[in-house]
Amino acid sequence: MVDAARARKLASRIQEIVAETLRLQVKDPRLGMATITDTRITPDLRDATVYYTVLGEPEEVKATARALESAKGVLRSAIGKGTGVRFTPTLTFKLDTVPEQAASMEELLERARLADEEVLKRSTGASYAGDADPYRD
């Protein structure tokens, strides 16, 4: 096993190399407005998962996924040259769903805020349904 600091550094370096290689070397027209958001690597440094987001329609997201799969060889070669590790990790690309989840959370929080405002509006000027202290004789 490798220490966690080395794995984090390698993951960060892989993210930089993948982003730079996609920007400069990969000329696939299917590659949309992709952003590499994160990279995770297994403790044995054999497998790397690269997370990405795509700005655009669902068709563009699918086309970008196909373009990334076809560019794996070029990207892995660039990672091997750029990192100098003995074994270049295999790459897996996953669509990062964090932005969609964040938007969903923001929507839920806004609905909760509106519901709280409605409750506050209804409770203003309201009185209790019985005596002020029903337990007092």
C-alpha atoms as a PDB file:
ATOM      1  CA  MET A   1       0.000   0.000   0.000  1.00  0.00           C
ATOM      2  CA  VAL A   2       0.982   3.572  -0.646  1.00  0.00           C
ATOM      3  CA  ASP A   3       0.574   6.405   1.823  1.00  0.00           C
ATOM      4  CA  ALA A   4      -2.503   8.590   1.363  1.00  0.00           C
ATOM      5  CA  ALA A   5      -0.539  11.780   0.699  1.00  0.00           C
ATOM      6  CA  ARG A   6       1.196  10.231  -2.304  1.00  0.00           C
ATOM      7  CA  ALA A   7      -2.107   8.946  -3.667  1.00  0.00           C
ATOM      8  CA  ARG A   8      -3.681  12.427  -3.312  1.00  0.00           C
ATOM      9  CA  LYS A   9      -0.729  14.056  -5.075  1.00  0.00           C
ATOM     10  CA  LEU A  10      -0.865  11.535  -7.911  1.00  0.00           C
ATOM     11  CA  ALA A  11      -4.641  11.990  -8.252  1.00  0.00           C
ATOM     12  CA  SER A  12      -4.194  15.747  -8.428  1.00  0.00           C
ATOM     13  CA  ARG A  13      -1.444  15.409 -11.025  1.00  0.00           C
ATOM     14  CA  ILE A  14      -3.586  13.036 -13.107  1.00  0.00           C
ATOM     15  CA  GLN A  15      -6.433  15.564 -13.013  1.00  0.00           C
ATOM     16  CA  GLU A  16      -4.122  18.299 -14.292  1.00  0.00           C
ATOM     17  CA  ILE A  17      -2.675  16.115 -17.044  1.00  0.00           C
ATOM     18  CA  VAL A  18      -6.092  14.913 -18.232  1.00  0.00           C
ATOM     19  CA  ALA A  19      -7.484  18.452 -18.345  1.00  0.00           C
ATOM     20  CA  GLU A  20      -4.432  19.797 -20.177  1.00  0.00           C
ATOM     21  CA  THR A  21      -4.332  16.909 -22.646  1.00  0.00           C
ATOM     22  CA  LEU A  22      -8.032  17.269 -23.418  1.00  0.00           C
ATOM     23  CA  ARG A  23      -7.540  20.970 -24.021  1.00  0.00           C
ATOM     24  CA  LEU A  24      -4.423  20.740 -26.183  1.00  0.00           C
ATOM     25  CA  GLN A  25      -4.184  17.315 -27.818  1.00  0.00           C
ATOM     26  CA  VAL A  26      -7.604  15.692 -28.112  1.00  0.00           C
ATOM     27  CA  LYS A  27      -9.363  17.160 -31.141  1.00  0.00           C
ATOM     28  CA  ASP A  28     -12.508  15.045 -31.057  1.00  0.00           C
ATOM     29  CA  PRO A  29     -15.530  17.086 -32.225  1.00  0.00           C
ATOM     30  CA  ARG A  30     -17.762  15.064 -29.879  1.00  0.00           C
ATOM     31  CA  LEU A  31     -15.894  16.479 -26.897  1.00  0.00           C
ATOM     32  CA  GLY A  32     -18.176  19.188 -25.569  1.00  0.00           C
ATOM     33  CA  MET A  33     -17.647  21.777 -22.890  1.00  0.00           C
ATOM     34  CA  ALA A  34     -16.181  19.260 -20.451  1.00  0.00           C
ATOM     35  CA  THR A  35     -14.596  20.173 -17.139  1.00  0.00           C
ATOM     36  CA  ILE A  36     -12.553  17.726 -15.100  1.00  0.00           C
ATOM     37  CA  THR A  37     -13.848  18.212 -11.555  1.00  0.00           C
ATOM     38  CA  ASP A  38     -12.095  15.528  -9.510  1.00  0.00           C
ATOM     39  CA  THR A  39      -9.899  12.465  -9.687  1.00  0.00           C
ATOM     40  CA  ARG A  40      -9.792   9.575  -7.241  1.00  0.00           C
ATOM     41  CA  ILE A  41      -7.207   6.836  -7.257  1.00  0.00           C
ATOM     42  CA  THR A  42      -7.220   3.468  -5.530  1.00  0.00           C
ATOM     43  CA  PRO A  43      -4.734   2.917  -2.682  1.00  0.00           C
ATOM     44  CA  ASP A  44      -2.633   0.606  -4.858  1.00  0.00           C
ATOM     45  CA  LEU A  45      -2.403   3.334  -7.556  1.00  0.00           C
ATOM     46  CA  ARG A  46      -3.726   0.963 -10.233  1.00  0.00           C
ATOM     47  CA  ASP A  47      -7.093   2.520 -11.074  1.00  0.00           C
ATOM     48  CA  ALA A  48      -8.055   6.172 -11.386  1.00  0.00           C
ATOM     49  CA  THR A  49     -11.596   7.495 -11.632  1.00  0.00           C
ATOM     50  CA  VAL A  50     -11.882  10.861 -13.363  1.00  0.00           C
ATOM     51  CA  TYR A  51     -15.047  12.864 -12.682  1.00  0.00           C
ATOM     52  CA  TYR A  52     -16.228  15.403 -15.231  1.00  0.00           C
ATOM     53  CA  THR A  53     -19.119  17.720 -15.961  1.00  0.00           C
ATOM     54  CA  VAL A  54     -20.443  18.786 -19.341  1.00  0.00           C
ATOM     55  CA  LEU A  55     -22.224  22.009 -20.155  1.00  0.00           C
ATOM     56  CA  GLY A  56     -24.976  21.275 -22.619  1.00  0.00           C
ATOM     57  CA  GLU A  57     -27.844  19.037 -23.591  1.00  0.00           C
ATOM     58  CA  PRO A  58     -28.106  15.314 -22.734  1.00  0.00           C
ATOM     59  CA  GLU A  59     -26.998  14.402 -26.286  1.00  0.00           C
ATOM     60  CA  GLU A  60     -23.818  16.419 -25.789  1.00  0.00           C
ATOM     61  CA  VAL A  61     -23.195  14.666 -22.469  1.00  0.00           C
ATOM     62  CA  LYS A  62     -23.458  11.264 -24.162  1.00  0.00           C
ATOM     63  CA  ALA A  63     -21.216  12.355 -27.036  1.00  0.00           C
ATOM     64  CA  THR A  64     -18.610  13.645 -24.580  1.00  0.00           C
ATOM     65  CA  ALA A  65     -18.696  10.333 -22.700  1.00  0.00           C
ATOM     66  CA  ARG A  66     -18.005   8.482 -25.968  1.00  0.00           C
ATOM     67  CA  ALA A  67     -15.194  10.914 -26.840  1.00  0.00           C
ATOM     68  CA  LEU A  68     -13.558  10.431 -23.444  1.00  0.00           C
ATOM     69  CA  GLU A  69     -13.751   6.654 -23.795  1.00  0.00           C
ATOM     70  CA  SER A  70     -12.103   6.804 -27.207  1.00  0.00           C
ATOM     71  CA  ALA A  71      -9.364   9.144 -25.920  1.00  0.00           C
ATOM     72  CA  LYS A  72      -8.374   6.867 -23.014  1.00  0.00           C
ATOM     73  CA  GLY A  73      -5.228   5.665 -24.761  1.00  0.00           C
ATOM     74  CA  VAL A  74      -3.934   9.149 -25.486  1.00  0.00           C
ATOM     75  CA  LEU A  75      -4.760  10.286 -21.970  1.00  0.00           C
ATOM     76  CA  ARG A  76      -3.170   7.282 -20.317  1.00  0.00           C
ATOM     77  CA  SER A  77      -0.023   7.761 -22.405  1.00  0.00           C
ATOM     78  CA  ALA A  78       0.158  11.421 -21.346  1.00  0.00           C
ATOM     79  CA  ILE A  79      -0.313  10.414 -17.706  1.00  0.00           C
ATOM     80  CA  GLY A  80       2.522   7.899 -17.990  1.00  0.00           C
ATOM     81  CA  LYS A  81       4.854  10.527 -19.430  1.00  0.00           C
ATOM     82  CA  GLY A  82       3.765  13.208 -16.982  1.00  0.00           C
ATOM     83  CA  THR A  83       3.919  11.264 -13.739  1.00  0.00           C
ATOM     84  CA  GLY A  84       6.799   8.846 -14.124  1.00  0.00           C
ATOM     85  CA  VAL A  85       5.117   6.106 -12.091  1.00  0.00           C
ATOM     86  CA  ARG A  86       6.016   2.496 -12.784  1.00  0.00           C
ATOM     87  CA  PHE A  87       2.463   1.482 -13.641  1.00  0.00           C
ATOM     88  CA  THR A  88       0.175   3.994 -15.341  1.00  0.00           C
ATOM     89  CA  PRO A  89      -3.270   3.675 -13.774  1.00  0.00           C
ATOM     90  CA  THR A  90      -6.238   2.590 -15.828  1.00  0.00           C
ATOM     91  CA  LEU A  91      -8.811   5.328 -16.338  1.00  0.00           C
ATOM     92  CA  THR A  92     -12.524   5.307 -15.692  1.00  0.00           C
ATOM     93  CA  PHE A  93     -14.624   8.352 -16.519  1.00  0.00           C
ATOM     94  CA  LYS A  94     -17.744   9.178 -14.509  1.00  0.00           C
ATOM     95  CA  LEU A  95     -20.155  12.030 -14.986  1.00  0.00           C
ATOM     96  CA  ASP A  96     -20.087  14.239 -11.893  1.00  0.00           C
ATOM     97  CA  THR A  97     -23.644  14.793 -10.678  1.00  0.00           C
ATOM     98  CA  VAL A  98     -22.773  17.192  -7.862  1.00  0.00           C
ATOM     99  CA  PRO A  99     -23.937  20.344  -9.730  1.00  0.00           C
ATOM    100  CA  GLU A 100     -27.377  18.827 -10.387  1.00  0.00           C
ATOM    101  CA  GLN A 101     -27.638  17.660  -6.772  1.00  0.00           C
ATOM    102  CA  ALA A 102     -26.637  21.117  -5.545  1.00  0.00           C
ATOM    103  CA  ALA A 103     -29.304  22.745  -7.710  1.00  0.00           C
ATOM    104  CA  SER A 104     -31.883  20.303  -6.365  1.00  0.00           C
ATOM    105  CA  MET A 105     -30.837  21.083  -2.779  1.00  0.00           C
ATOM    106  CA  GLU A 106     -31.071  24.826  -3.460  1.00  0.00           C
ATOM    107  CA  GLU A 107     -34.598  24.337  -4.781  1.00  0.00           C
ATOM    108  CA  LEU A 108     -35.599  22.336  -1.695  1.00  0.00           C
ATOM    109  CA  LEU A 109     -34.107  24.958   0.624  1.00  0.00           C
ATOM    110  CA  GLU A 110     -35.997  27.713  -1.193  1.00  0.00           C
ATOM    111  CA  ARG A 111     -39.278  25.803  -0.834  1.00  0.00           C
ATOM    112  CA  ALA A 112     -38.593  25.302   2.890  1.00  0.00           C
ATOM    113  CA  ARG A 113     -37.837  29.024   3.306  1.00  0.00           C
ATOM    114  CA  LEU A 114     -41.120  29.943   1.589  1.00  0.00           C
ATOM    115  CA  ALA A 115     -43.021  27.493   3.797  1.00  0.00           C
ATOM    116  CA  ASP A 116     -41.406  29.008   6.913  1.00  0.00           C
ATOM    117  CA  GLU A 117     -42.395  32.501   5.780  1.00  0.00           C
ATOM    118  CA  GLU A 118     -45.989  31.303   5.281  1.00  0.00           C
ATOM    119  CA  VAL A 119     -46.096  29.804   8.794  1.00  0.00           C
ATOM    120  CA  LEU A 120     -44.666  33.012  10.251  1.00  0.00           C
ATOM    121  CA  LYS A 121     -47.256  35.090   8.383  1.00  0.00           C
ATOM    122  CA  ARG A 122     -50.119  32.919   9.699  1.00  0.00           C
ATOM    123  CA  SER A 123     -48.834  32.958  13.272  1.00  0.00           C
ATOM    124  CA  THR A 124     -48.499  36.737  13.473  1.00  0.00           C
ATOM    125  CA  GLY A 125     -51.318  38.088  15.626  1.00  0.00           C
ATOM    126  CA  ALA A 126     -52.659  34.617  16.423  1.00  0.00           C
ATOM    127  CA  SER A 127     -53.722  33.683  19.936  1.00  0.00           C
ATOM    128  CA  TYR A 128     -53.813  30.423  21.811  1.00  0.00           C
ATOM    129  CA  ALA A 129     -56.939  28.278  21.468  1.00  0.00           C
ATOM    130  CA  GLY A 130     -57.594  28.063  25.213  1.00  0.00           C
ATOM    131  CA  ASP A 131     -56.468  29.661  28.420  1.00  0.00           C
ATOM    132  CA  ALA A 132     -52.983  31.142  28.432  1.00  0.00           C
ATOM    133  CA  ASP A 133     -51.900  28.499  30.988  1.00  0.00           C
ATOM    134  CA  PRO A 134     -54.341  25.580  31.050  1.00  0.00           C
ATOM    135  CA  TYR A 135     -52.505  23.814  33.905  1.00  0.00           C
ATOM    136  CA  ARG A 136     -52.996  26.616  36.378  1.00  0.00           C
ATOM    137  CA  ASP A 137     -55.992  26.492  38.726  1.00  0.00           C
END
